Amino acid sequence: MPIDVKKPLFWRTLVQWGFLLWTAFLGVQFALFVRHFETGGATPLYVRPPGVEGFLPIGALVGLRHWLATGEIHPVHPAALVLFLTFVAMSLLACKSFCSWLCPVGTISEALGRLGQRLFGRTFHPWRWLDFTLRGVKYLLLAFFLKIIVLDLPTAAISAFLDAPYWAVSDIKMLRFFTRISPLAATVLALLAALSLLFRHFWCRYLCPYGALLGLLAMASPWRIRRRPETCNGCGTCSRSCPSSLPVDKKKGILSPECTGCLTCVNACPQPQALHMAPPWSRRHLPWWGFAVMVGILFAVGVGTGMATGHWQTVLGYDDYRFLVPLADRFGH
């Protein structure tokens, strides 16, 4: 089906792939930065992009705990915490929008689902009881991480972790996970990709603890999908199109941690104004493009605040990386 440029799906796809390409660009730039130190300075030095710290969500959670306990943002990888807090704020104010508008993993997962639909003519759905059970896995993973980081680790242990060389090279180790991928990791990623071809948003729906956290926080968001019963014709197109299989056509408002604010239901609805994004206190709806602008502004404000307050660039300097990069593989073993 061709994408209508006047519909939200076109612009969301544009934002998704633009952000994915930007993320890939940062990854290449970071790889070239690391390569300079791996070669002993034989290759050109590139500026290290702090945005790569967005791939350190567990460390960001540790950083959050440290910030709450001490009142200080740890200076080694501050952008990790800034991005984490930005995505949390986006969820609290604009539904689970990070997952459906910006997350590179979500973009790839969604693309695989569309490819699977073209290859097989359809996507598949687990039995209802199995779907419900599997959806609980990501919440169990979230509970596990919250327990060991928020409840179990004393402040002294958290400070020791953030001061350790392992945390300093965690971004390098994440890079090498992809550039020096092990056979086991490659097999797991291939399996997840294959499952994403068959089942829409397999990773996001069943396994992502980050998405689970943002989804729970998003339930506090005033902005959510709302349906006008007097305008709705009850065709059910919205529910059939929903990536999360939510009963949009049966509810006046969608309050679910599974709703990502992707506006797919709005895009599919044949009745003008039957579905819209709005807070509970207003009957005036936010145009889909207004929601897109709000998502972009929230992201820009979060990152801009980190930059303006000096919590974006790492405190590590050239000499630190010259020492750490050649030894990165030794830390954590």
Protein backbone atom coordinates (compact mmCIF):
# COMPACT_ATOMS: atom_id res chain seq x y z
CA MET A 1 0.00 0.00 0.00
CA PRO A 2 1.51 3.39 -0.96
CA ILE A 3 2.12 5.83 1.87
CA ASP A 4 0.04 9.00 1.79
CA VAL A 5 2.28 11.98 2.55
CA LYS A 6 -0.70 13.63 4.22
CA LYS A 7 -0.94 10.80 6.75
CA PRO A 8 1.04 10.45 10.01
CA LEU A 9 2.57 7.11 9.03
CA PHE A 10 4.63 8.75 6.28
CA TRP A 11 6.12 11.37 8.59
CA ARG A 12 6.69 8.96 11.46
CA THR A 13 8.53 6.64 9.08
CA LEU A 14 10.59 9.60 7.87
CA VAL A 15 11.49 10.54 11.46
CA GLN A 16 12.27 6.93 12.37
CA TRP A 17 14.64 6.32 9.48
CA GLY A 18 16.21 9.74 9.80
CA PHE A 19 17.00 9.04 13.44
CA LEU A 20 18.25 5.55 12.58
CA LEU A 21 20.61 6.94 9.94
CA TRP A 22 21.81 9.60 12.38
CA THR A 23 22.44 6.87 14.98
CA ALA A 24 24.39 4.86 12.41
CA PHE A 25 26.43 7.96 11.57
CA LEU A 26 27.29 8.45 15.24
CA GLY A 27 28.26 4.79 15.47
CA VAL A 28 30.64 5.08 12.52
CA GLN A 29 32.11 8.29 13.93
CA PHE A 30 32.65 6.61 17.30
CA ALA A 31 34.24 3.58 15.62
CA LEU A 32 36.69 5.89 13.83
CA PHE A 33 37.41 7.64 17.13
CA VAL A 34 38.23 4.33 18.79
CA ARG A 35 40.22 3.17 15.75
CA HIS A 36 42.59 6.11 16.23
CA PHE A 37 43.63 4.72 19.61
CA GLU A 38 43.62 1.11 18.48
CA THR A 39 46.21 1.99 15.83
CA GLY A 40 48.36 4.03 18.19
CA GLY A 41 47.41 7.27 16.45
CA ALA A 42 48.11 6.05 12.91
CA THR A 43 44.58 6.88 11.74
CA PRO A 44 42.88 10.32 11.91
CA LEU A 45 41.32 11.42 15.19
CA TYR A 46 37.57 11.97 15.07
CA VAL A 47 35.48 13.70 17.72
CA ARG A 48 33.83 11.27 20.10
CA PRO A 49 30.00 11.63 19.82
CA PRO A 50 28.38 11.50 23.29
CA GLY A 51 25.13 10.27 21.70
CA VAL A 52 26.51 6.72 21.57
CA GLU A 53 25.93 6.57 25.32
CA GLY A 54 22.26 6.06 24.53
CA PHE A 55 23.22 2.41 24.06
CA LEU A 56 24.14 2.13 27.75
CA PRO A 57 20.70 1.98 29.42
CA ILE A 58 21.74 -0.26 32.32
CA GLY A 59 24.65 2.03 33.13
CA ALA A 60 22.29 4.99 32.85
CA LEU A 61 20.04 3.40 35.47
CA VAL A 62 23.07 3.01 37.74
CA GLY A 63 23.90 6.65 37.03
CA LEU A 64 20.36 7.65 37.97
CA ARG A 65 20.64 5.84 41.28
CA HIS A 66 23.98 7.58 41.91
CA TRP A 67 22.46 10.98 41.05
CA LEU A 68 19.50 10.46 43.38
CA ALA A 69 21.77 9.28 46.20
CA THR A 70 24.51 11.90 45.89
CA GLY A 71 22.93 14.79 43.98
CA GLU A 72 25.74 14.61 41.40
CA ILE A 73 25.74 13.36 37.81
CA HIS A 74 28.74 11.12 37.35
CA PRO A 75 31.10 12.77 34.82
CA VAL A 76 32.40 9.71 32.94
CA HIS A 77 29.35 9.04 30.77
CA PRO A 78 26.86 11.83 31.63
CA ALA A 79 25.09 11.70 28.27
CA ALA A 80 23.84 8.20 29.13
CA LEU A 81 21.85 9.62 32.05
CA VAL A 82 20.77 12.72 30.09
CA LEU A 83 19.33 10.57 27.29
CA PHE A 84 17.71 8.19 29.76
CA LEU A 85 16.00 11.08 31.56
CA THR A 86 14.99 12.58 28.22
CA PHE A 87 13.25 9.37 27.17
CA VAL A 88 11.59 9.12 30.58
CA ALA A 89 10.30 12.69 30.22
CA MET A 90 9.04 11.92 26.72
CA SER A 91 7.07 8.97 28.11
CA LEU A 92 5.60 10.98 30.98
CA LEU A 93 4.52 13.81 28.69
CA ALA A 94 4.01 12.25 25.25
CA CYS A 95 3.05 8.62 25.68
CA LYS A 96 5.60 5.91 24.81
CA SER A 97 6.78 8.03 21.90
CA PHE A 98 10.48 7.20 22.09
CA CYS A 99 9.73 3.58 21.17
CA SER A 100 7.66 4.38 18.09
CA TRP A 101 9.33 7.55 16.83
CA LEU A 102 13.03 7.43 17.74
CA CYS A 103 14.22 4.01 18.93
CA PRO A 104 16.55 2.48 16.29
CA VAL A 105 15.77 -1.05 17.47
CA GLY A 106 12.06 -0.34 17.18
CA THR A 107 12.53 1.01 13.66
CA ILE A 108 14.41 -2.11 12.56
CA SER A 109 11.86 -4.37 14.25
CA GLU A 110 9.00 -2.57 12.51
CA ALA A 111 10.78 -2.78 9.14
CA LEU A 112 11.29 -6.53 9.60
CA GLY A 113 7.59 -6.90 10.35
CA ARG A 114 6.66 -5.12 7.13
CA LEU A 115 9.14 -7.27 5.21
CA GLY A 116 7.64 -10.40 6.74
CA GLN A 117 4.17 -9.28 5.71
CA ARG A 118 5.37 -8.90 2.13
CA LEU A 119 7.16 -12.24 2.15
CA PHE A 120 4.39 -14.28 3.77
CA GLY A 121 1.35 -12.17 2.94
CA ARG A 122 0.58 -11.74 6.62
CA THR A 123 2.03 -11.58 10.11
CA PHE A 124 1.26 -14.13 12.78
CA HIS A 125 -0.18 -13.84 16.26
CA PRO A 126 0.46 -16.21 19.16
CA TRP A 127 -2.51 -17.69 20.98
CA ARG A 128 -4.03 -15.11 23.30
CA TRP A 129 -2.86 -16.88 26.46
CA LEU A 130 0.65 -17.25 25.06
CA ASP A 131 0.77 -13.62 23.95
CA PHE A 132 -0.27 -12.50 27.43
CA THR A 133 2.35 -14.72 29.06
CA LEU A 134 5.15 -13.62 26.75
CA ARG A 135 4.33 -9.95 27.26
CA GLY A 136 5.10 -10.47 30.93
CA VAL A 137 8.70 -11.42 30.19
CA LYS A 138 9.85 -7.83 29.60
CA TYR A 139 8.30 -6.76 32.91
CA LEU A 140 10.10 -9.58 34.72
CA LEU A 141 13.38 -8.45 33.14
CA LEU A 142 12.63 -4.87 34.19
CA ALA A 143 11.86 -6.01 37.75
CA PHE A 144 15.16 -7.92 37.83
CA PHE A 145 17.22 -4.89 36.82
CA LEU A 146 15.34 -2.57 39.18
CA LYS A 147 15.85 -4.98 42.06
CA ILE A 148 19.59 -5.45 41.66
CA ILE A 149 20.32 -1.79 40.85
CA VAL A 150 17.74 0.23 42.76
CA LEU A 151 17.12 -2.01 45.78
CA ASP A 152 20.15 -4.24 46.29
CA LEU A 153 23.23 -2.20 45.39
CA PRO A 154 24.48 0.11 48.16
CA THR A 155 25.54 3.61 47.20
CA ALA A 156 29.21 2.81 47.83
CA ALA A 157 29.06 -0.09 45.34
CA ILE A 158 27.39 2.10 42.74
CA SER A 159 30.06 4.78 43.11
CA ALA A 160 32.77 2.13 42.85
CA PHE A 161 31.22 0.79 39.63
CA LEU A 162 31.00 4.23 38.02
CA ASP A 163 34.60 5.01 39.01
CA ALA A 164 35.91 1.69 37.68
CA PRO A 165 37.67 1.27 34.31
CA TYR A 166 34.91 -1.09 33.17
CA TRP A 167 32.36 1.74 33.13
CA ALA A 168 34.85 4.03 31.41
CA VAL A 169 35.22 1.56 28.50
CA SER A 170 31.59 0.36 28.47
CA ASP A 171 30.88 2.32 25.30
CA ILE A 172 33.91 0.73 23.63
CA LYS A 173 32.81 -2.73 24.73
CA MET A 174 29.34 -2.05 23.31
CA LEU A 175 30.93 -1.03 20.00
CA ARG A 176 32.97 -4.22 19.90
CA PHE A 177 29.86 -6.27 20.56
CA PHE A 178 28.85 -5.33 17.03
CA THR A 179 32.25 -5.06 15.33
CA ARG A 180 33.59 -8.27 16.87
CA ILE A 181 30.34 -10.13 17.29
CA SER A 182 30.59 -13.65 18.66
CA PRO A 183 28.91 -16.64 16.95
CA LEU A 184 26.48 -16.94 19.87
CA ALA A 185 25.48 -13.27 19.74
CA ALA A 186 25.10 -13.43 15.94
CA THR A 187 22.88 -16.49 16.28
CA VAL A 188 20.68 -14.79 18.89
CA LEU A 189 20.32 -11.65 16.75
CA ALA A 190 19.50 -13.74 13.69
CA LEU A 191 16.85 -15.62 15.67
CA LEU A 192 15.31 -12.37 16.92
CA ALA A 193 15.29 -11.01 13.35
CA ALA A 194 13.57 -14.17 12.08
CA LEU A 195 10.95 -13.98 14.82
CA SER A 196 10.39 -10.31 13.99
CA LEU A 197 9.61 -11.30 10.40
CA LEU A 198 6.83 -13.57 11.66
CA PHE A 199 5.54 -11.66 14.69
CA ARG A 200 5.18 -7.88 14.68
CA HIS A 201 7.54 -6.10 17.07
CA PHE A 202 8.68 -9.37 18.66
CA TRP A 203 11.56 -7.83 20.65
CA CYS A 204 9.63 -4.72 21.64
CA ARG A 205 6.46 -6.58 22.57
CA TYR A 206 7.96 -9.43 24.55
CA LEU A 207 11.56 -8.84 25.59
CA CYS A 208 12.55 -5.16 25.88
CA PRO A 209 12.80 -4.09 29.57
CA TYR A 210 13.53 -0.49 28.50
CA GLY A 211 10.22 -0.38 26.65
CA ALA A 212 8.49 -1.96 29.65
CA LEU A 213 9.72 0.86 31.90
CA LEU A 214 8.76 3.59 29.44
CA GLY A 215 5.36 1.97 28.91
CA LEU A 216 4.57 1.97 32.63
CA LEU A 217 5.66 5.61 32.92
CA ALA A 218 3.62 6.52 29.84
CA MET A 219 0.43 5.57 31.66
CA ALA A 220 0.84 8.87 33.52
CA SER A 221 0.98 10.83 30.26
CA PRO A 222 -1.98 13.18 29.75
CA TRP A 223 -1.72 12.74 25.98
CA ARG A 224 -3.20 9.52 24.70
CA ILE A 225 -5.29 8.16 21.84
CA ARG A 226 -8.98 8.98 22.32
CA ARG A 227 -12.01 7.94 20.29
CA ARG A 228 -15.16 9.93 19.60
CA PRO A 229 -18.02 7.37 19.67
CA GLU A 230 -20.36 9.78 17.89
CA THR A 231 -17.99 9.91 14.91
CA CYS A 232 -16.69 6.33 14.93
CA ASN A 233 -18.51 3.93 12.60
CA GLY A 234 -17.31 0.83 14.46
CA CYS A 235 -15.46 -0.68 11.48
CA GLY A 236 -12.59 -1.95 13.66
CA THR A 237 -9.88 -0.87 11.22
CA CYS A 238 -8.00 0.89 14.00
CA SER A 239 -7.79 -2.22 16.18
CA ARG A 240 -6.74 -4.45 13.30
CA SER A 241 -3.95 -2.03 12.38
CA CYS A 242 -2.67 -1.50 15.94
CA PRO A 243 0.83 -3.02 16.31
CA SER A 244 0.05 -3.78 19.96
CA SER A 245 -3.34 -5.37 19.17
CA LEU A 246 -5.18 -2.95 21.45
CA PRO A 247 -9.01 -2.72 21.27
CA VAL A 248 -9.00 0.88 20.06
CA ASP A 249 -12.51 0.62 18.60
CA LYS A 250 -13.93 -0.46 21.97
CA LYS A 251 -12.41 2.22 24.19
CA LYS A 252 -12.99 5.93 24.57
CA GLY A 253 -9.36 6.34 25.59
CA ILE A 254 -6.36 4.04 25.39
CA LEU A 255 -4.67 3.62 28.75
CA SER A 256 -2.16 0.83 28.28
CA PRO A 257 1.62 0.43 28.73
CA GLU A 258 1.60 -1.25 25.32
CA CYS A 259 0.45 1.87 23.44
CA THR A 260 3.45 3.59 21.86
CA GLY A 261 1.74 6.66 20.45
CA CYS A 262 2.67 5.51 16.95
CA LEU A 263 -0.59 6.93 15.50
CA THR A 264 -1.01 3.85 13.28
CA CYS A 265 -4.65 3.65 14.32
CA VAL A 266 -5.15 7.33 13.46
CA ASN A 267 -3.46 6.72 10.11
CA ALA A 268 -5.76 3.77 9.35
CA CYS A 269 -9.06 5.28 10.53
CA PRO A 270 -11.40 6.08 7.61
CA GLN A 271 -13.49 8.49 9.70
CA PRO A 272 -12.02 12.01 10.01
CA GLN A 273 -11.54 13.10 13.64
CA ALA A 274 -12.82 9.80 15.07
CA LEU A 275 -9.42 9.14 16.62
CA HIS A 276 -7.16 11.82 17.98
CA MET A 277 -4.43 12.55 20.51
CA ALA A 278 -5.69 14.65 23.41
CA PRO A 279 -5.49 15.09 27.20
CA PRO A 280 -8.52 14.07 29.31
CA TRP A 281 -9.50 17.63 30.18
CA SER A 282 -9.93 18.83 26.60
CA ARG A 283 -12.13 17.83 23.70
CA ARG A 284 -9.84 19.70 21.35
CA HIS A 285 -7.48 17.25 19.73
CA LEU A 286 -3.82 17.66 18.94
CA PRO A 287 -3.16 17.26 15.20
CA TRP A 288 -0.88 14.34 14.42
CA TRP A 289 1.77 16.73 13.15
CA GLY A 290 1.51 18.62 16.44
CA PHE A 291 2.28 15.41 18.31
CA ALA A 292 5.28 14.83 16.03
CA VAL A 293 6.54 18.35 16.76
CA MET A 294 6.03 17.82 20.48
CA VAL A 295 8.11 14.63 20.38
CA GLY A 296 10.91 16.46 18.57
CA ILE A 297 10.83 19.41 20.95
CA LEU A 298 10.95 17.19 24.04
CA PHE A 299 13.97 15.34 22.67
CA ALA A 300 15.74 18.57 21.71
CA VAL A 301 15.03 20.17 25.09
CA GLY A 302 16.34 17.13 26.97
CA VAL A 303 19.59 16.93 25.01
CA GLY A 304 19.97 20.72 24.95
CA THR A 305 19.57 20.89 28.73
CA GLY A 306 22.31 18.31 29.14
CA MET A 307 24.61 20.30 26.89
CA ALA A 308 23.82 23.65 28.51
CA THR A 309 24.43 22.34 32.03
CA GLY A 310 27.74 20.68 31.14
CA HIS A 311 26.42 17.13 31.48
CA TRP A 312 26.98 15.92 27.94
CA GLN A 313 30.68 15.48 27.18
CA THR A 314 32.66 12.90 29.13
CA VAL A 315 35.38 14.04 31.50
CA LEU A 316 37.73 11.47 29.93
CA GLY A 317 40.44 13.07 27.82
CA TYR A 318 42.80 12.04 25.05
CA ASP A 319 45.37 10.50 27.38
CA ASP A 320 42.66 8.53 29.19
CA TYR A 321 41.47 6.93 25.96
CA ARG A 322 45.04 6.32 24.80
CA PHE A 323 45.49 4.23 27.94
CA LEU A 324 42.01 2.64 28.12
CA VAL A 325 41.27 1.61 24.52
CA PRO A 326 44.13 -0.92 24.12
CA LEU A 327 43.16 -2.48 27.48
CA ALA A 328 39.38 -2.43 27.00
CA ASP A 329 39.07 -6.17 26.39
CA ARG A 330 40.79 -6.93 29.69
CA PHE A 331 38.22 -5.13 31.80
CA GLY A 332 35.21 -7.15 32.89
CA HIS A 333 36.85 -10.58 32.50
